[in-house]
Amino acid sequence: MANINELEGLGLDAGFEVDYEDVPEQFGGFTPIPPPGTYRFRLPGDLSNVWEQFDATINEKKVKRLRANFEGTVALEITQSKSGEQTGDSFRCRISNAERKRDKEGRMASDMLYLLRALGDTAVYKSNLEYANALMKYAGREFIATVEWSAWCSDQRAIRVYNEAGEIITNEQQMGCGHRVYQRDIPKLEAGGYADEFACPECGAILRPFANLVQFQPLQVDR
């Protein structure tokens, strides 16, 4: 991560393929990931050192985009949870301004744009720097979002499997298959909730889900 002033070219027009007048609706220490559901979060009090620039492909074009890495001492804080068990926990995630299609009409928006709208910001952002400056204004502010689970059987590393003793080991002879598992396909437990460890439906590798934020909302929205 870097200070926003250390990244190059952020002030240049990045050519965001977003219609800001017609933003589509959203669909859709070690701390265990919170169960799927709606939570209230607080941004870190200082957002100057959370930034990372990366290469993205948008509509077959290579472009520079920006993400805020909320990890470690600059993780988000859960300030309200339905059960109360997660209140006060930290939540690690990345939120980027890389736009993608959000509806059948092909309208584009990014998670960072939805977060900014939930925080009450209605500006048009023509560069990565403008996105960063906009979000940094809301350091310490709170918002509502939904936690959604997913998993990926990475084809870049060896799979994990159970041995005969029921222990999880790494099988160095087999790489993951690249299959992605979305929340709707994660096995449910008889006692309720979702399994936090399960087999890849394609290759049998043992997967653990990670949590994403979706459906950003302002605080006044009635949950």
C-alpha atoms as a PDB file:
ATOM      1  CA  MET A   1       0.000   0.000   0.000  1.00  0.00           C
ATOM      2  CA  ALA A   2       1.095   3.586  -0.500  1.00  0.00           C
ATOM      3  CA  ASN A   3       0.246   7.128   0.381  1.00  0.00           C
ATOM      4  CA  ILE A   4      -2.067   8.610  -2.231  1.00  0.00           C
ATOM      5  CA  ASN A   5       0.569  11.240  -3.060  1.00  0.00           C
ATOM      6  CA  GLU A   6       3.134   8.557  -3.956  1.00  0.00           C
ATOM      7  CA  LEU A   7       1.116   6.996  -6.793  1.00  0.00           C
ATOM      8  CA  GLU A   8       1.687   8.252 -10.305  1.00  0.00           C
ATOM      9  CA  GLY A   9      -0.807   9.507 -12.845  1.00  0.00           C
ATOM     10  CA  LEU A  10      -3.849   9.490 -10.586  1.00  0.00           C
ATOM     11  CA  GLY A  11      -4.994  12.930 -11.698  1.00  0.00           C
ATOM     12  CA  LEU A  12      -5.174  12.000 -15.360  1.00  0.00           C
ATOM     13  CA  ASP A  13      -8.534  11.332 -16.972  1.00  0.00           C
ATOM     14  CA  ALA A  14      -8.932   7.555 -16.550  1.00  0.00           C
ATOM     15  CA  GLY A  15     -11.842   7.230 -18.962  1.00  0.00           C
ATOM     16  CA  PHE A  16     -14.310   5.664 -16.517  1.00  0.00           C
ATOM     17  CA  GLU A  17     -17.123   4.012 -18.456  1.00  0.00           C
ATOM     18  CA  VAL A  18     -19.768   5.055 -15.944  1.00  0.00           C
ATOM     19  CA  ASP A  19     -22.930   7.066 -16.509  1.00  0.00           C
ATOM     20  CA  TYR A  20     -22.935   9.091 -13.286  1.00  0.00           C
ATOM     21  CA  GLU A  21     -26.451  10.342 -14.026  1.00  0.00           C
ATOM     22  CA  ASP A  22     -27.783   6.780 -14.248  1.00  0.00           C
ATOM     23  CA  VAL A  23     -25.905   4.590 -11.748  1.00  0.00           C
ATOM     24  CA  PRO A  24     -27.499   1.097 -11.685  1.00  0.00           C
ATOM     25  CA  GLU A  25     -28.978  -0.428  -8.531  1.00  0.00           C
ATOM     26  CA  GLN A  26     -26.907  -2.972  -6.592  1.00  0.00           C
ATOM     27  CA  PHE A  27     -27.960  -6.608  -6.650  1.00  0.00           C
ATOM     28  CA  GLY A  28     -26.745  -8.757  -5.291  1.00  0.00           C
ATOM     29  CA  GLY A  29      -5.372 -10.416  14.642  1.00  0.00           C
ATOM     30  CA  PHE A  30      -7.243 -13.176  12.979  1.00  0.00           C
ATOM     31  CA  THR A  31     -10.965 -12.514  13.104  1.00  0.00           C
ATOM     32  CA  PRO A  32     -13.348 -15.118  11.666  1.00  0.00           C
ATOM     33  CA  ILE A  33     -15.290 -13.753   8.744  1.00  0.00           C
ATOM     34  CA  PRO A  34     -18.746 -12.636   9.860  1.00  0.00           C
ATOM     35  CA  PRO A  35     -21.771 -14.651   8.747  1.00  0.00           C
ATOM     36  CA  PRO A  36     -23.606 -13.384   5.663  1.00  0.00           C
ATOM     37  CA  GLY A  37     -25.950 -10.543   6.504  1.00  0.00           C
ATOM     38  CA  THR A  38     -26.228  -6.781   6.878  1.00  0.00           C
ATOM     39  CA  TYR A  39     -23.840  -4.879   9.140  1.00  0.00           C
ATOM     40  CA  ARG A  40     -22.865  -1.353  10.040  1.00  0.00           C
ATOM     41  CA  PHE A  41     -19.221  -0.458   9.385  1.00  0.00           C
ATOM     42  CA  ARG A  42     -16.865   2.392  10.247  1.00  0.00           C
ATOM     43  CA  LEU A  43     -14.079   3.553   7.939  1.00  0.00           C
ATOM     44  CA  PRO A  44     -10.588   4.047   9.447  1.00  0.00           C
ATOM     45  CA  GLY A  45      -9.884   7.480  10.847  1.00  0.00           C
ATOM     46  CA  ASP A  46      -7.039   8.011   8.368  1.00  0.00           C
ATOM     47  CA  LEU A  47      -7.362   6.868   4.752  1.00  0.00           C
ATOM     48  CA  SER A  48      -4.129   8.333   3.399  1.00  0.00           C
ATOM     49  CA  ASN A  49      -2.152   5.066   3.390  1.00  0.00           C
ATOM     50  CA  VAL A  50      -4.633   2.437   2.225  1.00  0.00           C
ATOM     51  CA  TRP A  51      -4.157   2.827  -1.525  1.00  0.00           C
ATOM     52  CA  GLU A  52      -2.913   0.530  -4.251  1.00  0.00           C
ATOM     53  CA  GLN A  53      -2.971   1.101  -8.004  1.00  0.00           C
ATOM     54  CA  PHE A  54      -3.471  -1.915 -10.290  1.00  0.00           C
ATOM     55  CA  ASP A  55      -4.016  -2.882 -13.907  1.00  0.00           C
ATOM     56  CA  ALA A  56      -7.561  -3.764 -14.927  1.00  0.00           C
ATOM     57  CA  THR A  57      -9.235  -4.754 -18.162  1.00  0.00           C
ATOM     58  CA  ILE A  58     -12.466  -2.836 -18.776  1.00  0.00           C
ATOM     59  CA  ASN A  59     -14.340  -3.601 -22.000  1.00  0.00           C
ATOM     60  CA  GLU A  60     -11.185  -5.212 -23.410  1.00  0.00           C
ATOM     61  CA  LYS A  61      -9.064  -2.135 -22.649  1.00  0.00           C
ATOM     62  CA  LYS A  62      -6.102  -2.106 -20.257  1.00  0.00           C
ATOM     63  CA  VAL A  63      -6.558   0.691 -17.725  1.00  0.00           C
ATOM     64  CA  LYS A  64      -5.220   1.822 -14.355  1.00  0.00           C
ATOM     65  CA  ARG A  65      -7.572   1.549 -11.425  1.00  0.00           C
ATOM     66  CA  LEU A  66      -7.315   2.076  -7.663  1.00  0.00           C
ATOM     67  CA  ARG A  67      -8.291   0.070  -4.617  1.00  0.00           C
ATOM     68  CA  ALA A  68      -8.438   0.788  -0.919  1.00  0.00           C
ATOM     69  CA  ASN A  69      -6.994  -2.088   1.131  1.00  0.00           C
ATOM     70  CA  PHE A  70      -8.692  -2.212   4.520  1.00  0.00           C
ATOM     71  CA  GLU A  71      -6.371  -4.574   6.360  1.00  0.00           C
ATOM     72  CA  GLY A  72      -4.463  -4.738   9.632  1.00  0.00           C
ATOM     73  CA  THR A  73      -4.565  -1.466  11.554  1.00  0.00           C
ATOM     74  CA  VAL A  74      -6.667   0.137   8.816  1.00  0.00           C
ATOM     75  CA  ALA A  75      -9.348  -2.553   8.626  1.00  0.00           C
ATOM     76  CA  LEU A  76     -12.996  -1.578   8.742  1.00  0.00           C
ATOM     77  CA  GLU A  77     -14.724  -1.836  12.115  1.00  0.00           C
ATOM     78  CA  ILE A  78     -18.084  -3.530  12.536  1.00  0.00           C
ATOM     79  CA  THR A  79     -20.046  -1.113  14.704  1.00  0.00           C
ATOM     80  CA  GLN A  80     -23.372  -2.950  14.632  1.00  0.00           C
ATOM     81  CA  SER A  81     -24.336  -6.560  13.940  1.00  0.00           C
ATOM     82  CA  LYS A  82     -27.669  -8.329  14.200  1.00  0.00           C
ATOM     83  CA  SER A  83     -26.580 -10.777  16.899  1.00  0.00           C
ATOM     84  CA  GLY A  84     -24.159  -8.385  18.557  1.00  0.00           C
ATOM     85  CA  GLU A  85     -21.435 -11.031  18.457  1.00  0.00           C
ATOM     86  CA  GLN A  86     -19.472  -9.313  15.697  1.00  0.00           C
ATOM     87  CA  THR A  87     -19.858  -5.758  16.999  1.00  0.00           C
ATOM     88  CA  GLY A  88     -16.409  -4.294  17.561  1.00  0.00           C
ATOM     89  CA  ASP A  89     -14.660  -6.809  15.281  1.00  0.00           C
ATOM     90  CA  SER A  90     -12.394  -5.715  12.461  1.00  0.00           C
ATOM     91  CA  PHE A  91     -13.291  -6.558   8.865  1.00  0.00           C
ATOM     92  CA  ARG A  92     -10.664  -6.927   6.167  1.00  0.00           C
ATOM     93  CA  CYS A  93     -11.551  -6.239   2.560  1.00  0.00           C
ATOM     94  CA  ARG A  94     -10.558  -4.409  -0.603  1.00  0.00           C
ATOM     95  CA  ILE A  95     -12.804  -1.902  -2.340  1.00  0.00           C
ATOM     96  CA  SER A  96     -11.858  -0.802  -5.854  1.00  0.00           C
ATOM     97  CA  ASN A  97     -13.020   1.757  -8.377  1.00  0.00           C
ATOM     98  CA  ALA A  98     -12.828  -0.762 -11.241  1.00  0.00           C
ATOM     99  CA  GLU A  99     -16.213  -0.525 -12.895  1.00  0.00           C
ATOM    100  CA  ARG A 100     -18.089  -3.597 -14.146  1.00  0.00           C
ATOM    101  CA  LYS A 101     -21.484  -4.402 -15.582  1.00  0.00           C
ATOM    102  CA  ARG A 102     -24.240  -4.315 -12.992  1.00  0.00           C
ATOM    103  CA  ASP A 103     -27.461  -5.036 -14.856  1.00  0.00           C
ATOM    104  CA  LYS A 104     -28.950  -6.474 -18.021  1.00  0.00           C
ATOM    105  CA  GLU A 105     -28.561  -3.132 -19.767  1.00  0.00           C
ATOM    106  CA  GLY A 106     -24.814  -3.331 -19.260  1.00  0.00           C
ATOM    107  CA  ARG A 107     -24.561  -0.202 -17.119  1.00  0.00           C
ATOM    108  CA  MET A 108     -21.259   0.096 -15.276  1.00  0.00           C
ATOM    109  CA  ALA A 109     -20.357   0.999 -11.707  1.00  0.00           C
ATOM    110  CA  SER A 110     -17.707   0.120  -9.125  1.00  0.00           C
ATOM    111  CA  ASP A 111     -17.954  -0.889  -5.480  1.00  0.00           C
ATOM    112  CA  MET A 112     -16.139   2.328  -4.539  1.00  0.00           C
ATOM    113  CA  LEU A 113     -18.727   4.367  -6.390  1.00  0.00           C
ATOM    114  CA  TYR A 114     -21.541   2.634  -4.511  1.00  0.00           C
ATOM    115  CA  LEU A 115     -19.710   3.253  -1.217  1.00  0.00           C
ATOM    116  CA  LEU A 116     -19.291   6.939  -2.016  1.00  0.00           C
ATOM    117  CA  ARG A 117     -22.973   7.237  -2.904  1.00  0.00           C
ATOM    118  CA  ALA A 118     -23.880   5.550   0.404  1.00  0.00           C
ATOM    119  CA  LEU A 119     -21.722   8.154   2.175  1.00  0.00           C
ATOM    120  CA  GLY A 120     -23.686  10.916   0.463  1.00  0.00           C
ATOM    121  CA  ASP A 121     -21.136  11.895  -2.176  1.00  0.00           C
ATOM    122  CA  THR A 122     -22.735  12.716  -5.535  1.00  0.00           C
ATOM    123  CA  ALA A 123     -19.694  13.930  -7.509  1.00  0.00           C
ATOM    124  CA  VAL A 124     -18.458  12.781 -10.915  1.00  0.00           C
ATOM    125  CA  TYR A 125     -14.905  11.368 -10.755  1.00  0.00           C
ATOM    126  CA  LYS A 126     -12.711  11.621 -13.856  1.00  0.00           C
ATOM    127  CA  SER A 127      -9.482  10.274 -12.386  1.00  0.00           C
ATOM    128  CA  ASN A 128      -8.241   7.797  -9.815  1.00  0.00           C
ATOM    129  CA  LEU A 129      -7.011  10.723  -7.704  1.00  0.00           C
ATOM    130  CA  GLU A 130     -10.493  12.240  -7.647  1.00  0.00           C
ATOM    131  CA  TYR A 131     -11.901   8.938  -6.413  1.00  0.00           C
ATOM    132  CA  ALA A 132      -9.273   8.723  -3.672  1.00  0.00           C
ATOM    133  CA  ASN A 133      -9.733  12.339  -2.560  1.00  0.00           C
ATOM    134  CA  ALA A 134     -13.485  11.838  -2.446  1.00  0.00           C
ATOM    135  CA  LEU A 135     -13.275   8.784  -0.193  1.00  0.00           C
ATOM    136  CA  MET A 136     -10.617  10.275   2.076  1.00  0.00           C
ATOM    137  CA  LYS A 137     -13.071  13.036   3.018  1.00  0.00           C
ATOM    138  CA  TYR A 138     -15.172  10.403   4.789  1.00  0.00           C
ATOM    139  CA  ALA A 139     -12.497   8.938   7.067  1.00  0.00           C
ATOM    140  CA  GLY A 140     -14.140   7.700  10.259  1.00  0.00           C
ATOM    141  CA  ARG A 141     -17.623   7.755   8.769  1.00  0.00           C
ATOM    142  CA  GLU A 142     -20.067   4.857   8.987  1.00  0.00           C
ATOM    143  CA  PHE A 143     -22.138   3.051   6.389  1.00  0.00           C
ATOM    144  CA  ILE A 144     -24.213  -0.088   5.989  1.00  0.00           C
ATOM    145  CA  ALA A 145     -23.335  -2.997   3.721  1.00  0.00           C
ATOM    146  CA  THR A 146     -24.155  -6.663   3.261  1.00  0.00           C
ATOM    147  CA  VAL A 147     -21.556  -9.370   3.803  1.00  0.00           C
ATOM    148  CA  GLU A 148     -21.671 -12.045   1.113  1.00  0.00           C
ATOM    149  CA  TRP A 149     -19.526 -15.188   1.031  1.00  0.00           C
ATOM    150  CA  SER A 150     -17.762 -16.747  -1.946  1.00  0.00           C
ATOM    151  CA  ALA A 151     -14.790 -19.033  -2.567  1.00  0.00           C
ATOM    152  CA  TRP A 152     -12.242 -19.707  -5.287  1.00  0.00           C
ATOM    153  CA  CYS A 153     -10.392 -22.918  -6.031  1.00  0.00           C
ATOM    154  CA  SER A 154      -7.188 -21.156  -7.038  1.00  0.00           C
ATOM    155  CA  ASP A 155      -5.410 -22.633 -10.027  1.00  0.00           C
ATOM    156  CA  GLN A 156      -2.224 -20.938  -8.823  1.00  0.00           C
ATOM    157  CA  ARG A 157      -1.611 -23.187  -5.822  1.00  0.00           C
ATOM    158  CA  ALA A 158      -1.809 -26.796  -4.702  1.00  0.00           C
ATOM    159  CA  ILE A 159      -5.109 -28.044  -3.325  1.00  0.00           C
ATOM    160  CA  ARG A 160      -5.853 -28.964   0.272  1.00  0.00           C
ATOM    161  CA  VAL A 161      -7.432 -32.357   0.972  1.00  0.00           C
ATOM    162  CA  TYR A 162      -8.250 -34.655   3.894  1.00  0.00           C
ATOM    163  CA  ASN A 163      -5.879 -37.514   4.620  1.00  0.00           C
ATOM    164  CA  GLU A 164      -6.901 -40.892   6.057  1.00  0.00           C
ATOM    165  CA  ALA A 165      -6.696 -39.479   9.584  1.00  0.00           C
ATOM    166  CA  GLY A 166      -9.147 -36.728   8.730  1.00  0.00           C
ATOM    167  CA  GLU A 167      -6.474 -34.036   8.774  1.00  0.00           C
ATOM    168  CA  ILE A 168      -6.176 -31.355   6.123  1.00  0.00           C
ATOM    169  CA  ILE A 169      -2.963 -31.609   4.137  1.00  0.00           C
ATOM    170  CA  THR A 170      -1.656 -30.022   0.944  1.00  0.00           C
ATOM    171  CA  ASN A 171      -1.515 -32.204  -2.138  1.00  0.00           C
ATOM    172  CA  GLU A 172       1.469 -30.768  -3.992  1.00  0.00           C
ATOM    173  CA  GLN A 173       0.723 -32.995  -6.998  1.00  0.00           C
ATOM    174  CA  GLN A 174      -2.531 -31.239  -7.914  1.00  0.00           C
ATOM    175  CA  MET A 175      -3.322 -27.586  -8.523  1.00  0.00           C
ATOM    176  CA  GLY A 176      -6.739 -26.043  -7.993  1.00  0.00           C
ATOM    177  CA  CYS A 177      -9.216 -26.059 -10.871  1.00  0.00           C
ATOM    178  CA  GLY A 178     -10.076 -22.344 -10.951  1.00  0.00           C
ATOM    179  CA  HIS A 179     -13.746 -22.895 -10.080  1.00  0.00           C
ATOM    180  CA  ARG A 180     -15.575 -20.101  -8.260  1.00  0.00           C
ATOM    181  CA  VAL A 181     -18.253 -20.842  -5.676  1.00  0.00           C
ATOM    182  CA  TYR A 182     -20.855 -18.205  -4.882  1.00  0.00           C
ATOM    183  CA  GLN A 183     -22.896 -17.935  -1.700  1.00  0.00           C
ATOM    184  CA  ARG A 184     -25.947 -19.628  -3.187  1.00  0.00           C
ATOM    185  CA  ASP A 185     -23.834 -22.743  -3.826  1.00  0.00           C
ATOM    186  CA  ILE A 186     -22.059 -22.910  -0.447  1.00  0.00           C
ATOM    187  CA  PRO A 187     -23.417 -25.859   1.601  1.00  0.00           C
ATOM    188  CA  LYS A 188     -25.774 -24.953   4.422  1.00  0.00           C
ATOM    189  CA  LEU A 189     -25.507 -26.389   7.925  1.00  0.00           C
ATOM    190  CA  GLU A 190     -28.362 -28.273   9.566  1.00  0.00           C
ATOM    191  CA  ALA A 191     -28.148 -25.899  12.531  1.00  0.00           C
ATOM    192  CA  GLY A 192     -28.393 -22.916  10.176  1.00  0.00           C
ATOM    193  CA  GLY A 193     -25.891 -20.742   8.413  1.00  0.00           C
ATOM    194  CA  TYR A 194     -23.243 -21.744   5.897  1.00  0.00           C
ATOM    195  CA  ALA A 195     -20.322 -24.162   6.090  1.00  0.00           C
ATOM    196  CA  ASP A 196     -16.991 -22.383   6.559  1.00  0.00           C
ATOM    197  CA  GLU A 197     -15.164 -25.315   5.011  1.00  0.00           C
ATOM    198  CA  PHE A 198     -16.380 -27.452   2.111  1.00  0.00           C
ATOM    199  CA  ALA A 199     -15.267 -29.388  -0.956  1.00  0.00           C
ATOM    200  CA  CYS A 200     -14.919 -27.767  -4.366  1.00  0.00           C
ATOM    201  CA  PRO A 201     -17.794 -29.173  -6.448  1.00  0.00           C
ATOM    202  CA  GLU A 202     -15.444 -29.584  -9.428  1.00  0.00           C
ATOM    203  CA  CYS A 203     -12.255 -31.135  -8.074  1.00  0.00           C
ATOM    204  CA  GLY A 204     -12.913 -31.897  -4.395  1.00  0.00           C
ATOM    205  CA  ALA A 205     -10.313 -29.499  -2.972  1.00  0.00           C
ATOM    206  CA  ILE A 206     -11.123 -28.228   0.520  1.00  0.00           C
ATOM    207  CA  LEU A 207     -12.154 -24.575   0.261  1.00  0.00           C
ATOM    208  CA  ARG A 208     -12.747 -21.832   2.792  1.00  0.00           C
ATOM    209  CA  PRO A 209     -14.949 -18.874   1.870  1.00  0.00           C
ATOM    210  CA  PHE A 210     -13.981 -15.232   2.015  1.00  0.00           C
ATOM    211  CA  ALA A 211     -16.310 -12.315   2.657  1.00  0.00           C
ATOM    212  CA  ASN A 212     -17.182  -9.558   0.207  1.00  0.00           C
ATOM    213  CA  LEU A 213     -19.139  -6.359   0.738  1.00  0.00           C
ATOM    214  CA  VAL A 214     -22.166  -5.700  -1.469  1.00  0.00           C
ATOM    215  CA  GLN A 215     -25.305  -3.558  -1.316  1.00  0.00           C
ATOM    216  CA  PHE A 216     -23.779  -0.427   0.212  1.00  0.00           C
ATOM    217  CA  GLN A 217     -26.368   1.737   1.951  1.00  0.00           C
ATOM    218  CA  PRO A 218     -26.493   5.017   3.887  1.00  0.00           C
ATOM    219  CA  LEU A 219     -27.192   4.852   7.613  1.00  0.00           C
ATOM    220  CA  GLN A 220     -30.729   6.169   7.333  1.00  0.00           C
ATOM    221  CA  VAL A 221     -31.885   3.192   5.252  1.00  0.00           C
ATOM    222  CA  ASP A 222     -34.286   1.033   7.237  1.00  0.00           C
ATOM    223  CA  ARG A 223     -32.934  -2.503   7.373  1.00  0.00           C
END
